[in-house]
Amino acid sequence: QKAAGVEREMSQLARRLEETERKRGEPVGAPAAGIFGTIRGIERRGRVRMNRQSGELEVTRGVEFAVVKAGGPIAPEFRDGEVAAQVLEDIAEVWKMFEGIVDIQLLSKPGRGGKADFWERL
């Protein structure tokens, strides 16, 4: 009876050893590869592009503001709200992967006419 127990234990250990050796031979994936694959998928949509060296995310299209008349109400609106929302969703999707600080830089051309203060506030 003792010999049968030892044989069962040896059999179990042999199976565990085989399983361990099999797993050891499997290729190990790089965690960053999955993240960069996801980023490539987001980039294929054509709205954002990421510099993998600096981490800078550039908006390539879709966030344009509607024309504002000098001296009018300061209520900036997107030219195409639906497209702008898709771009912002892409930005949020990338940000969720890294959960770091987001520094958004908005560059715009000053309008014609009106006072400089109006365009600065806009």
PDB file of N, CA and C in Angstrom:
ATOM      1  N   GLN A   1       0.825  -1.186   0.000  1.00  0.00           N
ATOM      2  CA  GLN A   1       0.000   0.000   0.000  1.00  0.00           C
ATOM      3  C   GLN A   1       0.875   1.257   0.000  1.00  0.00           C
ATOM      4  N   LYS A   2       1.929   1.243   0.767  1.00  0.00           N
ATOM      5  CA  LYS A   2       2.844   2.377   0.819  1.00  0.00           C
ATOM      6  C   LYS A   2       3.504   2.568  -0.546  1.00  0.00           C
ATOM      7  N   ALA A   3       3.855   1.453  -1.202  1.00  0.00           N
ATOM      8  CA  ALA A   3       4.485   1.512  -2.525  1.00  0.00           C
ATOM      9  C   ALA A   3       3.523   2.113  -3.550  1.00  0.00           C
ATOM     10  N   ALA A   4       2.230   1.793  -3.473  1.00  0.00           N
ATOM     11  CA  ALA A   4       1.234   2.322  -4.405  1.00  0.00           C
ATOM     12  C   ALA A   4       1.099   3.839  -4.224  1.00  0.00           C
ATOM     13  N   GLY A   5       1.139   4.306  -2.978  1.00  0.00           N
ATOM     14  CA  GLY A   5       1.067   5.747  -2.700  1.00  0.00           C
ATOM     15  C   GLY A   5       2.276   6.479  -3.253  1.00  0.00           C
ATOM     16  N   VAL A   6       3.449   5.876  -3.101  1.00  0.00           N
ATOM     17  CA  VAL A   6       4.670   6.498  -3.624  1.00  0.00           C
ATOM     18  C   VAL A   6       4.609   6.560  -5.147  1.00  0.00           C
ATOM     19  N   GLU A   7       4.091   5.503  -5.781  1.00  0.00           N
ATOM     20  CA  GLU A   7       3.974   5.480  -7.242  1.00  0.00           C
ATOM     21  C   GLU A   7       3.018   6.568  -7.740  1.00  0.00           C
ATOM     22  N   ARG A   8       1.887   6.751  -7.035  1.00  0.00           N
ATOM     23  CA  ARG A   8       0.932   7.805  -7.409  1.00  0.00           C
ATOM     24  C   ARG A   8       1.588   9.172  -7.287  1.00  0.00           C
ATOM     25  N   GLU A   9       2.306   9.370  -6.210  1.00  0.00           N
ATOM     26  CA  GLU A   9       2.977  10.657  -5.993  1.00  0.00           C
ATOM     27  C   GLU A   9       4.034  10.903  -7.066  1.00  0.00           C
ATOM     28  N   MET A  10       4.784   9.880  -7.418  1.00  0.00           N
ATOM     29  CA  MET A  10       5.797  10.020  -8.465  1.00  0.00           C
ATOM     30  C   MET A  10       5.140  10.312  -9.813  1.00  0.00           C
ATOM     31  N   SER A  11       4.012   9.688 -10.079  1.00  0.00           N
ATOM     32  CA  SER A  11       3.286   9.914 -11.321  1.00  0.00           C
ATOM     33  C   SER A  11       2.802  11.373 -11.397  1.00  0.00           C
ATOM     34  N   GLN A  12       2.273  11.872 -10.282  1.00  0.00           N
ATOM     35  CA  GLN A  12       1.809  13.267 -10.237  1.00  0.00           C
ATOM     36  C   GLN A  12       2.974  14.226 -10.443  1.00  0.00           C
ATOM     37  N   LEU A  13       4.088  13.941  -9.787  1.00  0.00           N
ATOM     38  CA  LEU A  13       5.271  14.798  -9.944  1.00  0.00           C
ATOM     39  C   LEU A  13       5.781  14.777 -11.371  1.00  0.00           C
ATOM     40  N   ALA A  14       5.743  13.623 -12.017  1.00  0.00           N
ATOM     41  CA  ALA A  14       6.186  13.508 -13.406  1.00  0.00           C
ATOM     42  C   ALA A  14       5.288  14.339 -14.320  1.00  0.00           C
ATOM     43  N   ARG A  15       3.967  14.311 -14.085  1.00  0.00           N
ATOM     44  CA  ARG A  15       3.039  15.115 -14.890  1.00  0.00           C
ATOM     45  C   ARG A  15       3.294  16.607 -14.675  1.00  0.00           C
ATOM     46  N   ARG A  16       3.527  17.006 -13.429  1.00  0.00           N
ATOM     47  CA  ARG A  16       3.808  18.413 -13.137  1.00  0.00           C
ATOM     48  C   ARG A  16       5.101  18.860 -13.804  1.00  0.00           C
ATOM     49  N   LEU A  17       6.111  17.984 -13.780  1.00  0.00           N
ATOM     50  CA  LEU A  17       7.387  18.294 -14.414  1.00  0.00           C
ATOM     51  C   LEU A  17       7.202  18.458 -15.926  1.00  0.00           C
ATOM     52  N   GLU A  18       6.456  17.557 -16.553  1.00  0.00           N
ATOM     53  CA  GLU A  18       6.194  17.655 -17.992  1.00  0.00           C
ATOM     54  C   GLU A  18       5.469  18.952 -18.326  1.00  0.00           C
ATOM     55  N   GLU A  19       4.476  19.300 -17.519  1.00  0.00           N
ATOM     56  CA  GLU A  19       3.717  20.530 -17.738  1.00  0.00           C
ATOM     57  C   GLU A  19       4.627  21.750 -17.606  1.00  0.00           C
ATOM     58  N   THR A  20       5.477  21.749 -16.598  1.00  0.00           N
ATOM     59  CA  THR A  20       6.407  22.861 -16.386  1.00  0.00           C
ATOM     60  C   THR A  20       7.372  22.990 -17.560  1.00  0.00           C
ATOM     61  N   GLU A  21       7.896  21.863 -18.037  1.00  0.00           N
ATOM     62  CA  GLU A  21       8.817  21.899 -19.174  1.00  0.00           C
ATOM     63  C   GLU A  21       8.113  22.370 -20.437  1.00  0.00           C
ATOM     64  N   ARG A  22       6.863  21.964 -20.614  1.00  0.00           N
ATOM     65  CA  ARG A  22       6.100  22.410 -21.782  1.00  0.00           C
ATOM     66  C   ARG A  22       5.885  23.921 -21.739  1.00  0.00           C
ATOM     67  N   LYS A  23       5.496  24.439 -20.580  1.00  0.00           N
ATOM     68  CA  LYS A  23       5.273  25.877 -20.438  1.00  0.00           C
ATOM     69  C   LYS A  23       6.566  26.659 -20.629  1.00  0.00           C
ATOM     70  N   ARG A  24       7.654  26.101 -20.140  1.00  0.00           N
ATOM     71  CA  ARG A  24       8.948  26.776 -20.260  1.00  0.00           C
ATOM     72  C   ARG A  24       9.356  26.927 -21.721  1.00  0.00           C
ATOM     73  N   GLY A  25       8.945  26.010 -22.562  1.00  0.00           N
ATOM     74  CA  GLY A  25       9.283  26.058 -23.976  1.00  0.00           C
ATOM     75  C   GLY A  25       8.405  27.000 -24.787  1.00  0.00           C
ATOM     76  N   GLU A  26       7.296  27.479 -24.209  1.00  0.00           N
ATOM     77  CA  GLU A  26       6.401  28.391 -24.920  1.00  0.00           C
ATOM     78  C   GLU A  26       7.021  29.783 -24.968  1.00  0.00           C
ATOM     79  N   PRO A  27       6.848  30.471 -26.087  1.00  0.00           N
ATOM     80  CA  PRO A  27       7.397  31.830 -26.169  1.00  0.00           C
ATOM     81  C   PRO A  27       6.671  32.755 -25.195  1.00  0.00           C
ATOM     82  N   VAL A  28       7.410  33.634 -24.603  1.00  0.00           N
ATOM     83  CA  VAL A  28       6.852  34.594 -23.659  1.00  0.00           C
ATOM     84  C   VAL A  28       6.590  35.893 -24.412  1.00  0.00           C
ATOM     85  N   GLY A  29       5.382  36.405 -24.322  1.00  0.00           N
ATOM     86  CA  GLY A  29       5.030  37.641 -25.013  1.00  0.00           C
ATOM     87  C   GLY A  29       5.535  38.863 -24.270  1.00  0.00           C
ATOM     88  N   ALA A  30       5.846  39.871 -25.015  1.00  0.00           N
ATOM     89  CA  ALA A  30       6.267  41.147 -24.426  1.00  0.00           C
ATOM     90  C   ALA A  30       5.018  41.982 -24.162  1.00  0.00           C
ATOM     91  N   PRO A  31       4.815  42.441 -22.925  1.00  0.00           N
ATOM     92  CA  PRO A  31       3.601  43.203 -22.608  1.00  0.00           C
ATOM     93  C   PRO A  31       3.436  44.457 -23.465  1.00  0.00           C
ATOM     94  N   ALA A  32       4.536  45.127 -23.779  1.00  0.00           N
ATOM     95  CA  ALA A  32       4.443  46.360 -24.565  1.00  0.00           C
ATOM     96  C   ALA A  32       3.973  46.086 -25.988  1.00  0.00           C
ATOM     97  N   ALA A  33       4.237  44.887 -26.496  1.00  0.00           N
ATOM     98  CA  ALA A  33       3.827  44.559 -27.860  1.00  0.00           C
ATOM     99  C   ALA A  33       2.311  44.676 -28.012  1.00  0.00           C
ATOM    100  N   GLY A  34       1.572  44.238 -27.013  1.00  0.00           N
ATOM    101  CA  GLY A  34       0.112  44.339 -27.070  1.00  0.00           C
ATOM    102  C   GLY A  34      -0.358  45.779 -27.056  1.00  0.00           C
ATOM    103  N   ILE A  35       0.283  46.599 -26.234  1.00  0.00           N
ATOM    104  CA  ILE A  35      -0.092  48.018 -26.149  1.00  0.00           C
ATOM    105  C   ILE A  35       0.182  48.709 -27.474  1.00  0.00           C
ATOM    106  N   PHE A  36       1.377  48.462 -28.036  1.00  0.00           N
ATOM    107  CA  PHE A  36       1.709  49.130 -29.294  1.00  0.00           C
ATOM    108  C   PHE A  36       0.844  48.620 -30.443  1.00  0.00           C
ATOM    109  N   GLY A  37       0.425  47.378 -30.377  1.00  0.00           N
ATOM    110  CA  GLY A  37      -0.507  46.862 -31.379  1.00  0.00           C
ATOM    111  C   GLY A  37      -1.843  47.592 -31.301  1.00  0.00           C
ATOM    112  N   THR A  38      -2.297  47.845 -30.080  1.00  0.00           N
ATOM    113  CA  THR A  38      -3.548  48.587 -29.884  1.00  0.00           C
ATOM    114  C   THR A  38      -3.398  50.011 -30.398  1.00  0.00           C
ATOM    115  N   ILE A  39      -2.250  50.629 -30.130  1.00  0.00           N
ATOM    116  CA  ILE A  39      -2.010  51.995 -30.601  1.00  0.00           C
ATOM    117  C   ILE A  39      -2.005  52.029 -32.123  1.00  0.00           C
ATOM    118  N   ARG A  40      -1.378  51.041 -32.754  1.00  0.00           N
ATOM    119  CA  ARG A  40      -1.379  50.992 -34.224  1.00  0.00           C
ATOM    120  C   ARG A  40      -2.810  50.913 -34.755  1.00  0.00           C
ATOM    121  N   GLY A  41      -3.648  50.148 -34.078  1.00  0.00           N
ATOM    122  CA  GLY A  41      -5.054  50.057 -34.488  1.00  0.00           C
ATOM    123  C   GLY A  41      -5.764  51.397 -34.384  1.00  0.00           C
ATOM    124  N   ILE A  42      -5.481  52.134 -33.323  1.00  0.00           N
ATOM    125  CA  ILE A  42      -6.078  53.465 -33.152  1.00  0.00           C
ATOM    126  C   ILE A  42      -5.557  54.401 -34.236  1.00  0.00           C
ATOM    127  N   GLU A  43      -4.258  54.320 -34.514  1.00  0.00           N
ATOM    128  CA  GLU A  43      -3.668  55.182 -35.549  1.00  0.00           C
ATOM    129  C   GLU A  43      -4.258  54.900 -36.929  1.00  0.00           C
ATOM    130  N   ARG A  44      -4.611  53.659 -37.203  1.00  0.00           N
ATOM    131  CA  ARG A  44      -5.184  53.300 -38.509  1.00  0.00           C
ATOM    132  C   ARG A  44      -6.508  54.016 -38.772  1.00  0.00           C
ATOM    133  N   ARG A  45      -7.159  54.465 -37.724  1.00  0.00           N
ATOM    134  CA  ARG A  45      -8.409  55.214 -37.906  1.00  0.00           C
ATOM    135  C   ARG A  45      -8.142  56.565 -38.566  1.00  0.00           C
ATOM    136  N   GLY A  46      -6.878  57.028 -38.484  1.00  0.00           N
ATOM    137  CA  GLY A  46      -6.477  58.247 -39.183  1.00  0.00           C
ATOM    138  C   GLY A  46      -6.708  59.546 -38.455  1.00  0.00           C
ATOM    139  N   ARG A  47      -7.014  59.492 -37.171  1.00  0.00           N
ATOM    140  CA  ARG A  47      -7.307  60.725 -36.450  1.00  0.00           C
ATOM    141  C   ARG A  47      -6.172  61.173 -35.532  1.00  0.00           C
ATOM    142  N   VAL A  48      -5.360  60.224 -35.058  1.00  0.00           N
ATOM    143  CA  VAL A  48      -4.226  60.554 -34.181  1.00  0.00           C
ATOM    144  C   VAL A  48      -3.008  59.718 -34.579  1.00  0.00           C
ATOM    145  N   ARG A  49      -1.839  60.230 -34.189  1.00  0.00           N
ATOM    146  CA  ARG A  49      -0.593  59.507 -34.438  1.00  0.00           C
ATOM    147  C   ARG A  49       0.289  59.698 -33.207  1.00  0.00           C
ATOM    148  N   MET A  50       0.935  58.612 -32.763  1.00  0.00           N
ATOM    149  CA  MET A  50       1.762  58.678 -31.556  1.00  0.00           C
ATOM    150  C   MET A  50       3.233  58.548 -31.898  1.00  0.00           C
ATOM    151  N   ASN A  51       4.039  59.432 -31.313  1.00  0.00           N
ATOM    152  CA  ASN A  51       5.490  59.330 -31.407  1.00  0.00           C
ATOM    153  C   ASN A  51       5.912  58.393 -30.285  1.00  0.00           C
ATOM    154  N   ARG A  52       6.393  57.217 -30.643  1.00  0.00           N
ATOM    155  CA  ARG A  52       6.721  56.210 -29.632  1.00  0.00           C
ATOM    156  C   ARG A  52       7.969  56.556 -28.832  1.00  0.00           C
ATOM    157  N   GLN A  53       8.771  57.491 -29.316  1.00  0.00           N
ATOM    158  CA  GLN A  53       9.965  57.909 -28.578  1.00  0.00           C
ATOM    159  C   GLN A  53       9.608  58.918 -27.483  1.00  0.00           C
ATOM    160  N   SER A  54       8.800  59.908 -27.834  1.00  0.00           N
ATOM    161  CA  SER A  54       8.481  60.976 -26.879  1.00  0.00           C
ATOM    162  C   SER A  54       7.161  60.758 -26.155  1.00  0.00           C
ATOM    163  N   GLY A  55       6.286  59.914 -26.727  1.00  0.00           N
ATOM    164  CA  GLY A  55       4.966  59.716 -26.144  1.00  0.00           C
ATOM    165  C   GLY A  55       3.964  60.773 -26.582  1.00  0.00           C
ATOM    166  N   GLU A  56       4.405  61.691 -27.437  1.00  0.00           N
ATOM    167  CA  GLU A  56       3.529  62.757 -27.907  1.00  0.00           C
ATOM    168  C   GLU A  56       2.461  62.189 -28.835  1.00  0.00           C
ATOM    169  N   LEU A  57       1.236  62.604 -28.607  1.00  0.00           N
ATOM    170  CA  LEU A  57       0.113  62.172 -29.423  1.00  0.00           C
ATOM    171  C   LEU A  57      -0.335  63.369 -30.261  1.00  0.00           C
ATOM    172  N   GLU A  58      -0.271  63.229 -31.563  1.00  0.00           N
ATOM    173  CA  GLU A  58      -0.628  64.320 -32.464  1.00  0.00           C
ATOM    174  C   GLU A  58      -1.990  64.046 -33.090  1.00  0.00           C
ATOM    175  N   VAL A  59      -2.843  65.054 -33.062  1.00  0.00           N
ATOM    176  CA  VAL A  59      -4.142  64.956 -33.724  1.00  0.00           C
ATOM    177  C   VAL A  59      -3.903  65.273 -35.193  1.00  0.00           C
ATOM    178  N   THR A  60      -4.243  64.346 -36.067  1.00  0.00           N
ATOM    179  CA  THR A  60      -3.976  64.534 -37.492  1.00  0.00           C
ATOM    180  C   THR A  60      -5.155  65.115 -38.253  1.00  0.00           C
ATOM    181  N   ARG A  61      -6.354  64.947 -37.725  1.00  0.00           N
ATOM    182  CA  ARG A  61      -7.529  65.561 -38.375  1.00  0.00           C
ATOM    183  C   ARG A  61      -8.737  65.472 -37.457  1.00  0.00           C
ATOM    184  N   GLY A  62      -9.688  66.372 -37.696  1.00  0.00           N
ATOM    185  CA  GLY A  62     -10.977  66.238 -37.052  1.00  0.00           C
ATOM    186  C   GLY A  62     -11.313  67.197 -35.938  1.00  0.00           C
ATOM    187  N   VAL A  63     -10.338  67.950 -35.421  1.00  0.00           N
ATOM    188  CA  VAL A  63     -10.675  68.879 -34.342  1.00  0.00           C
ATOM    189  C   VAL A  63     -10.476  70.295 -34.872  1.00  0.00           C
ATOM    190  N   GLU A  64     -11.442  70.734 -35.639  1.00  0.00           N
ATOM    191  CA  GLU A  64     -11.407  72.083 -36.183  1.00  0.00           C
ATOM    192  C   GLU A  64     -12.573  72.861 -35.581  1.00  0.00           C
ATOM    193  N   PHE A  65     -12.305  74.119 -35.299  1.00  0.00           N
ATOM    194  CA  PHE A  65     -13.333  74.955 -34.703  1.00  0.00           C
ATOM    195  C   PHE A  65     -14.092  75.719 -35.778  1.00  0.00           C
ATOM    196  N   ALA A  66     -15.360  75.971 -35.493  1.00  0.00           N
ATOM    197  CA  ALA A  66     -16.187  76.753 -36.400  1.00  0.00           C
ATOM    198  C   ALA A  66     -15.695  78.200 -36.387  1.00  0.00           C
ATOM    199  N   VAL A  67     -15.958  78.907 -37.456  1.00  0.00           N
ATOM    200  CA  VAL A  67     -15.548  80.300 -37.580  1.00  0.00           C
ATOM    201  C   VAL A  67     -16.301  81.143 -36.553  1.00  0.00           C
ATOM    202  N   VAL A  68     -15.552  82.046 -35.905  1.00  0.00           N
ATOM    203  CA  VAL A  68     -16.143  82.956 -34.920  1.00  0.00           C
ATOM    204  C   VAL A  68     -15.936  84.373 -35.430  1.00  0.00           C
ATOM    205  N   LYS A  69     -16.962  85.179 -35.325  1.00  0.00           N
ATOM    206  CA  LYS A  69     -16.848  86.572 -35.770  1.00  0.00           C
ATOM    207  C   LYS A  69     -16.296  87.427 -34.641  1.00  0.00           C
ATOM    208  N   ALA A  70     -15.419  88.331 -35.009  1.00  0.00           N
ATOM    209  CA  ALA A  70     -14.800  89.235 -34.031  1.00  0.00           C
ATOM    210  C   ALA A  70     -15.873  90.013 -33.282  1.00  0.00           C
ATOM    211  N   GLY A  71     -15.724  90.051 -31.975  1.00  0.00           N
ATOM    212  CA  GLY A  71     -16.653  90.789 -31.141  1.00  0.00           C
ATOM    213  C   GLY A  71     -17.917  90.025 -30.805  1.00  0.00           C
ATOM    214  N   GLY A  72     -18.105  88.866 -31.409  1.00  0.00           N
ATOM    215  CA  GLY A  72     -19.289  88.061 -31.135  1.00  0.00           C
ATOM    216  C   GLY A  72     -19.164  87.331 -29.805  1.00  0.00           C
ATOM    217  N   PRO A  73     -20.120  86.465 -29.523  1.00  0.00           N
ATOM    218  CA  PRO A  73     -20.055  85.725 -28.256  1.00  0.00           C
ATOM    219  C   PRO A  73     -18.858  84.761 -28.241  1.00  0.00           C
ATOM    220  N   ILE A  74     -18.269  84.614 -27.074  1.00  0.00           N
ATOM    221  CA  ILE A  74     -17.128  83.705 -26.927  1.00  0.00           C
ATOM    222  C   ILE A  74     -17.687  82.337 -26.570  1.00  0.00           C
ATOM    223  N   ALA A  75     -18.011  81.602 -27.609  1.00  0.00           N
ATOM    224  CA  ALA A  75     -18.581  80.263 -27.453  1.00  0.00           C
ATOM    225  C   ALA A  75     -18.012  79.385 -28.564  1.00  0.00           C
ATOM    226  N   PRO A  76     -16.755  78.975 -28.423  1.00  0.00           N
ATOM    227  CA  PRO A  76     -16.170  78.163 -29.492  1.00  0.00           C
ATOM    228  C   PRO A  76     -16.905  76.835 -29.656  1.00  0.00           C
ATOM    229  N   GLU A  77     -17.098  76.445 -30.895  1.00  0.00           N
ATOM    230  CA  GLU A  77     -17.758  75.183 -31.213  1.00  0.00           C
ATOM    231  C   GLU A  77     -16.925  74.456 -32.254  1.00  0.00           C
ATOM    232  N   PHE A  78     -17.002  73.139 -32.238  1.00  0.00           N
ATOM    233  CA  PHE A  78     -16.304  72.363 -33.251  1.00  0.00           C
ATOM    234  C   PHE A  78     -17.038  72.479 -34.579  1.00  0.00           C
ATOM    235  N   ARG A  79     -16.278  72.479 -35.650  1.00  0.00           N
ATOM    236  CA  ARG A  79     -16.875  72.530 -36.982  1.00  0.00           C
ATOM    237  C   ARG A  79     -17.734  71.291 -37.206  1.00  0.00           C
ATOM    238  N   ASP A  80     -17.226  70.120 -36.798  1.00  0.00           N
ATOM    239  CA  ASP A  80     -17.972  68.862 -36.906  1.00  0.00           C
ATOM    240  C   ASP A  80     -17.876  68.161 -35.550  1.00  0.00           C
ATOM    241  N   GLY A  81     -18.890  68.331 -34.738  1.00  0.00           N
ATOM    242  CA  GLY A  81     -18.885  67.797 -33.378  1.00  0.00           C
ATOM    243  C   GLY A  81     -18.744  66.287 -33.308  1.00  0.00           C
ATOM    244  N   GLU A  82     -19.331  65.581 -34.260  1.00  0.00           N
ATOM    245  CA  GLU A  82     -19.261  64.118 -34.246  1.00  0.00           C
ATOM    246  C   GLU A  82     -17.836  63.625 -34.496  1.00  0.00           C
ATOM    247  N   VAL A  83     -17.166  64.220 -35.471  1.00  0.00           N
ATOM    248  CA  VAL A  83     -15.782  63.836 -35.776  1.00  0.00           C
ATOM    249  C   VAL A  83     -14.871  64.222 -34.616  1.00  0.00           C
ATOM    250  N   ALA A  84     -15.071  65.408 -34.051  1.00  0.00           N
ATOM    251  CA  ALA A  84     -14.265  65.846 -32.907  1.00  0.00           C
ATOM    252  C   ALA A  84     -14.439  64.878 -31.741  1.00  0.00           C
ATOM    253  N   ALA A  85     -15.649  64.398 -31.521  1.00  0.00           N
ATOM    254  CA  ALA A  85     -15.901  63.436 -30.440  1.00  0.00           C
ATOM    255  C   ALA A  85     -15.138  62.139 -30.684  1.00  0.00           C
ATOM    256  N   GLN A  86     -15.068  61.692 -31.936  1.00  0.00           N
ATOM    257  CA  GLN A  86     -14.318  60.472 -32.258  1.00  0.00           C
ATOM    258  C   GLN A  86     -12.828  60.660 -31.982  1.00  0.00           C
ATOM    259  N   VAL A  87     -12.295  61.833 -32.318  1.00  0.00           N
ATOM    260  CA  VAL A  87     -10.879  62.126 -32.050  1.00  0.00           C
ATOM    261  C   VAL A  87     -10.631  62.115 -30.547  1.00  0.00           C
ATOM    262  N   LEU A  88     -11.501  62.759 -29.803  1.00  0.00           N
ATOM    263  CA  LEU A  88     -11.336  62.809 -28.346  1.00  0.00           C
ATOM    264  C   LEU A  88     -11.458  61.416 -27.731  1.00  0.00           C
ATOM    265  N   GLU A  89     -12.283  60.554 -28.314  1.00  0.00           N
ATOM    266  CA  GLU A  89     -12.379  59.165 -27.843  1.00  0.00           C
ATOM    267  C   GLU A  89     -11.069  58.417 -28.103  1.00  0.00           C
ATOM    268  N   ASP A  90     -10.443  58.666 -29.264  1.00  0.00           N
ATOM    269  CA  ASP A  90      -9.145  58.049 -29.564  1.00  0.00           C
ATOM    270  C   ASP A  90      -8.097  58.501 -28.540  1.00  0.00           C
ATOM    271  N   ILE A  91      -8.084  59.795 -28.241  1.00  0.00           N
ATOM    272  CA  ILE A  91      -7.136  60.330 -27.264  1.00  0.00           C
ATOM    273  C   ILE A  91      -7.370  59.679 -25.905  1.00  0.00           C
ATOM    274  N   ALA A  92      -8.615  59.571 -25.494  1.00  0.00           N
ATOM    275  CA  ALA A  92      -8.936  58.955 -24.198  1.00  0.00           C
ATOM    276  C   ALA A  92      -8.529  57.486 -24.166  1.00  0.00           C
ATOM    277  N   GLU A  93      -8.715  56.787 -25.283  1.00  0.00           N
ATOM    278  CA  GLU A  93      -8.357  55.371 -25.344  1.00  0.00           C
ATOM    279  C   GLU A  93      -6.848  55.177 -25.157  1.00  0.00           C
ATOM    280  N   VAL A  94      -6.053  56.043 -25.785  1.00  0.00           N
ATOM    281  CA  VAL A  94      -4.597  55.962 -25.611  1.00  0.00           C
ATOM    282  C   VAL A  94      -4.231  56.332 -24.185  1.00  0.00           C
ATOM    283  N   TRP A  95      -4.836  57.381 -23.653  1.00  0.00           N
ATOM    284  CA  TRP A  95      -4.508  57.839 -22.306  1.00  0.00           C
ATOM    285  C   TRP A  95      -4.796  56.747 -21.272  1.00  0.00           C
ATOM    286  N   LYS A  96      -5.879  56.013 -21.431  1.00  0.00           N
ATOM    287  CA  LYS A  96      -6.239  54.960 -20.474  1.00  0.00           C
ATOM    288  C   LYS A  96      -5.170  53.872 -20.393  1.00  0.00           C
ATOM    289  N   MET A  97      -4.412  53.679 -21.476  1.00  0.00           N
ATOM    290  CA  MET A  97      -3.357  52.659 -21.464  1.00  0.00           C
ATOM    291  C   MET A  97      -2.196  53.065 -20.567  1.00  0.00           C
ATOM    292  N   PHE A  98      -1.969  54.361 -20.435  1.00  0.00           N
ATOM    293  CA  PHE A  98      -0.805  54.842 -19.700  1.00  0.00           C
ATOM    294  C   PHE A  98      -1.170  55.549 -18.401  1.00  0.00           C
ATOM    295  N   GLU A  99      -2.355  56.146 -18.341  1.00  0.00           N
ATOM    296  CA  GLU A  99      -2.865  56.843 -17.158  1.00  0.00           C
ATOM    297  C   GLU A  99      -1.864  57.825 -16.572  1.00  0.00           C
ATOM    298  N   GLY A 100      -1.256  58.607 -17.419  1.00  0.00           N
ATOM    299  CA  GLY A 100      -0.318  59.635 -16.957  1.00  0.00           C
ATOM    300  C   GLY A 100      -0.957  61.006 -17.041  1.00  0.00           C
ATOM    301  N   ILE A 101      -0.132  61.992 -16.898  1.00  0.00           N
ATOM    302  CA  ILE A 101      -0.590  63.370 -17.004  1.00  0.00           C
ATOM    303  C   ILE A 101      -0.791  63.697 -18.476  1.00  0.00           C
ATOM    304  N   VAL A 102      -1.865  64.372 -18.778  1.00  0.00           N
ATOM    305  CA  VAL A 102      -2.151  64.778 -20.143  1.00  0.00           C
ATOM    306  C   VAL A 102      -1.942  66.283 -20.240  1.00  0.00           C
ATOM    307  N   ASP A 103      -1.103  66.680 -21.167  1.00  0.00           N
ATOM    308  CA  ASP A 103      -0.842  68.099 -21.414  1.00  0.00           C
ATOM    309  C   ASP A 103      -1.361  68.402 -22.808  1.00  0.00           C
ATOM    310  N   ILE A 104      -2.450  69.136 -22.881  1.00  0.00           N
ATOM    311  CA  ILE A 104      -3.061  69.438 -24.172  1.00  0.00           C
ATOM    312  C   ILE A 104      -2.620  70.828 -24.606  1.00  0.00           C
ATOM    313  N   GLN A 105      -2.067  70.901 -25.803  1.00  0.00           N
ATOM    314  CA  GLN A 105      -1.649  72.175 -26.370  1.00  0.00           C
ATOM    315  C   GLN A 105      -2.536  72.465 -27.565  1.00  0.00           C
ATOM    316  N   LEU A 106      -3.229  73.562 -27.492  1.00  0.00           N
ATOM    317  CA  LEU A 106      -4.138  73.966 -28.559  1.00  0.00           C
ATOM    318  C   LEU A 106      -3.531  75.163 -29.265  1.00  0.00           C
ATOM    319  N   LEU A 107      -3.314  75.009 -30.549  1.00  0.00           N
ATOM    320  CA  LEU A 107      -2.770  76.099 -31.346  1.00  0.00           C
ATOM    321  C   LEU A 107      -3.845  76.581 -32.306  1.00  0.00           C
ATOM    322  N   SER A 108      -4.010  77.889 -32.362  1.00  0.00           N
ATOM    323  CA  SER A 108      -4.992  78.441 -33.288  1.00  0.00           C
ATOM    324  C   SER A 108      -4.449  79.733 -33.877  1.00  0.00           C
ATOM    325  N   LYS A 109      -4.939  80.045 -35.044  1.00  0.00           N
ATOM    326  CA  LYS A 109      -4.541  81.282 -35.705  1.00  0.00           C
ATOM    327  C   LYS A 109      -5.423  82.404 -35.171  1.00  0.00           C
ATOM    328  N   PRO A 110      -4.819  83.557 -34.904  1.00  0.00           N
ATOM    329  CA  PRO A 110      -5.653  84.680 -34.462  1.00  0.00           C
ATOM    330  C   PRO A 110      -6.561  85.135 -35.601  1.00  0.00           C
ATOM    331  N   GLY A 111      -7.746  85.523 -35.251  1.00  0.00           N
ATOM    332  CA  GLY A 111      -8.692  85.974 -36.260  1.00  0.00           C
ATOM    333  C   GLY A 111      -8.395  87.392 -36.712  1.00  0.00           C
ATOM    334  N   ARG A 112      -9.147  87.826 -37.685  1.00  0.00           N
ATOM    335  CA  ARG A 112      -8.982  89.188 -38.203  1.00  0.00           C
ATOM    336  C   ARG A 112     -10.016  90.095 -37.586  1.00  0.00           C
ATOM    337  N   GLY A 113      -9.604  91.314 -37.368  1.00  0.00           N
ATOM    338  CA  GLY A 113     -10.514  92.292 -36.798  1.00  0.00           C
ATOM    339  C   GLY A 113     -10.674  92.057 -35.302  1.00  0.00           C
ATOM    340  N   GLY A 114     -11.451  92.868 -34.695  1.00  0.00           N
ATOM    341  CA  GLY A 114     -11.668  92.730 -33.260  1.00  0.00           C
ATOM    342  C   GLY A 114     -10.424  93.077 -32.465  1.00  0.00           C
ATOM    343  N   LYS A 115     -10.539  93.008 -31.174  1.00  0.00           N
ATOM    344  CA  LYS A 115      -9.421  93.344 -30.300  1.00  0.00           C
ATOM    345  C   LYS A 115      -8.632  92.085 -29.952  1.00  0.00           C
ATOM    346  N   ALA A 116      -7.359  92.270 -29.693  1.00  0.00           N
ATOM    347  CA  ALA A 116      -6.481  91.145 -29.344  1.00  0.00           C
ATOM    348  C   ALA A 116      -7.003  90.415 -28.112  1.00  0.00           C
ATOM    349  N   ASP A 117      -7.570  91.140 -27.176  1.00  0.00           N
ATOM    350  CA  ASP A 117      -8.097  90.543 -25.940  1.00  0.00           C
ATOM    351  C   ASP A 117      -9.210  89.537 -26.253  1.00  0.00           C
ATOM    352  N   PHE A 118     -10.057  89.854 -27.226  1.00  0.00           N
ATOM    353  CA  PHE A 118     -11.136  88.954 -27.607  1.00  0.00           C
ATOM    354  C   PHE A 118     -10.568  87.622 -28.083  1.00  0.00           C
ATOM    355  N   TRP A 119      -9.576  87.666 -28.970  1.00  0.00           N
ATOM    356  CA  TRP A 119      -8.999  86.449 -29.529  1.00  0.00           C
ATOM    357  C   TRP A 119      -8.243  85.668 -28.470  1.00  0.00           C
ATOM    358  N   GLU A 120      -7.646  86.351 -27.533  1.00  0.00           N
ATOM    359  CA  GLU A 120      -6.922  85.658 -26.444  1.00  0.00           C
ATOM    360  C   GLU A 120      -7.908  84.912 -25.552  1.00  0.00           C
ATOM    361  N   ARG A 121      -9.030  85.537 -25.229  1.00  0.00           N
ATOM    362  CA  ARG A 121     -10.035  84.900 -24.384  1.00  0.00           C
ATOM    363  C   ARG A 121     -10.696  83.715 -25.107  1.00  0.00           C
ATOM    364  N   LEU A 122     -10.842  83.859 -26.422  1.00  0.00           N
ATOM    365  CA  LEU A 122     -11.459  82.797 -27.214  1.00  0.00           C
ATOM    366  C   LEU A 122     -10.565  81.580 -27.199  1.00  0.00           C
TER     367      LEU A 122
END
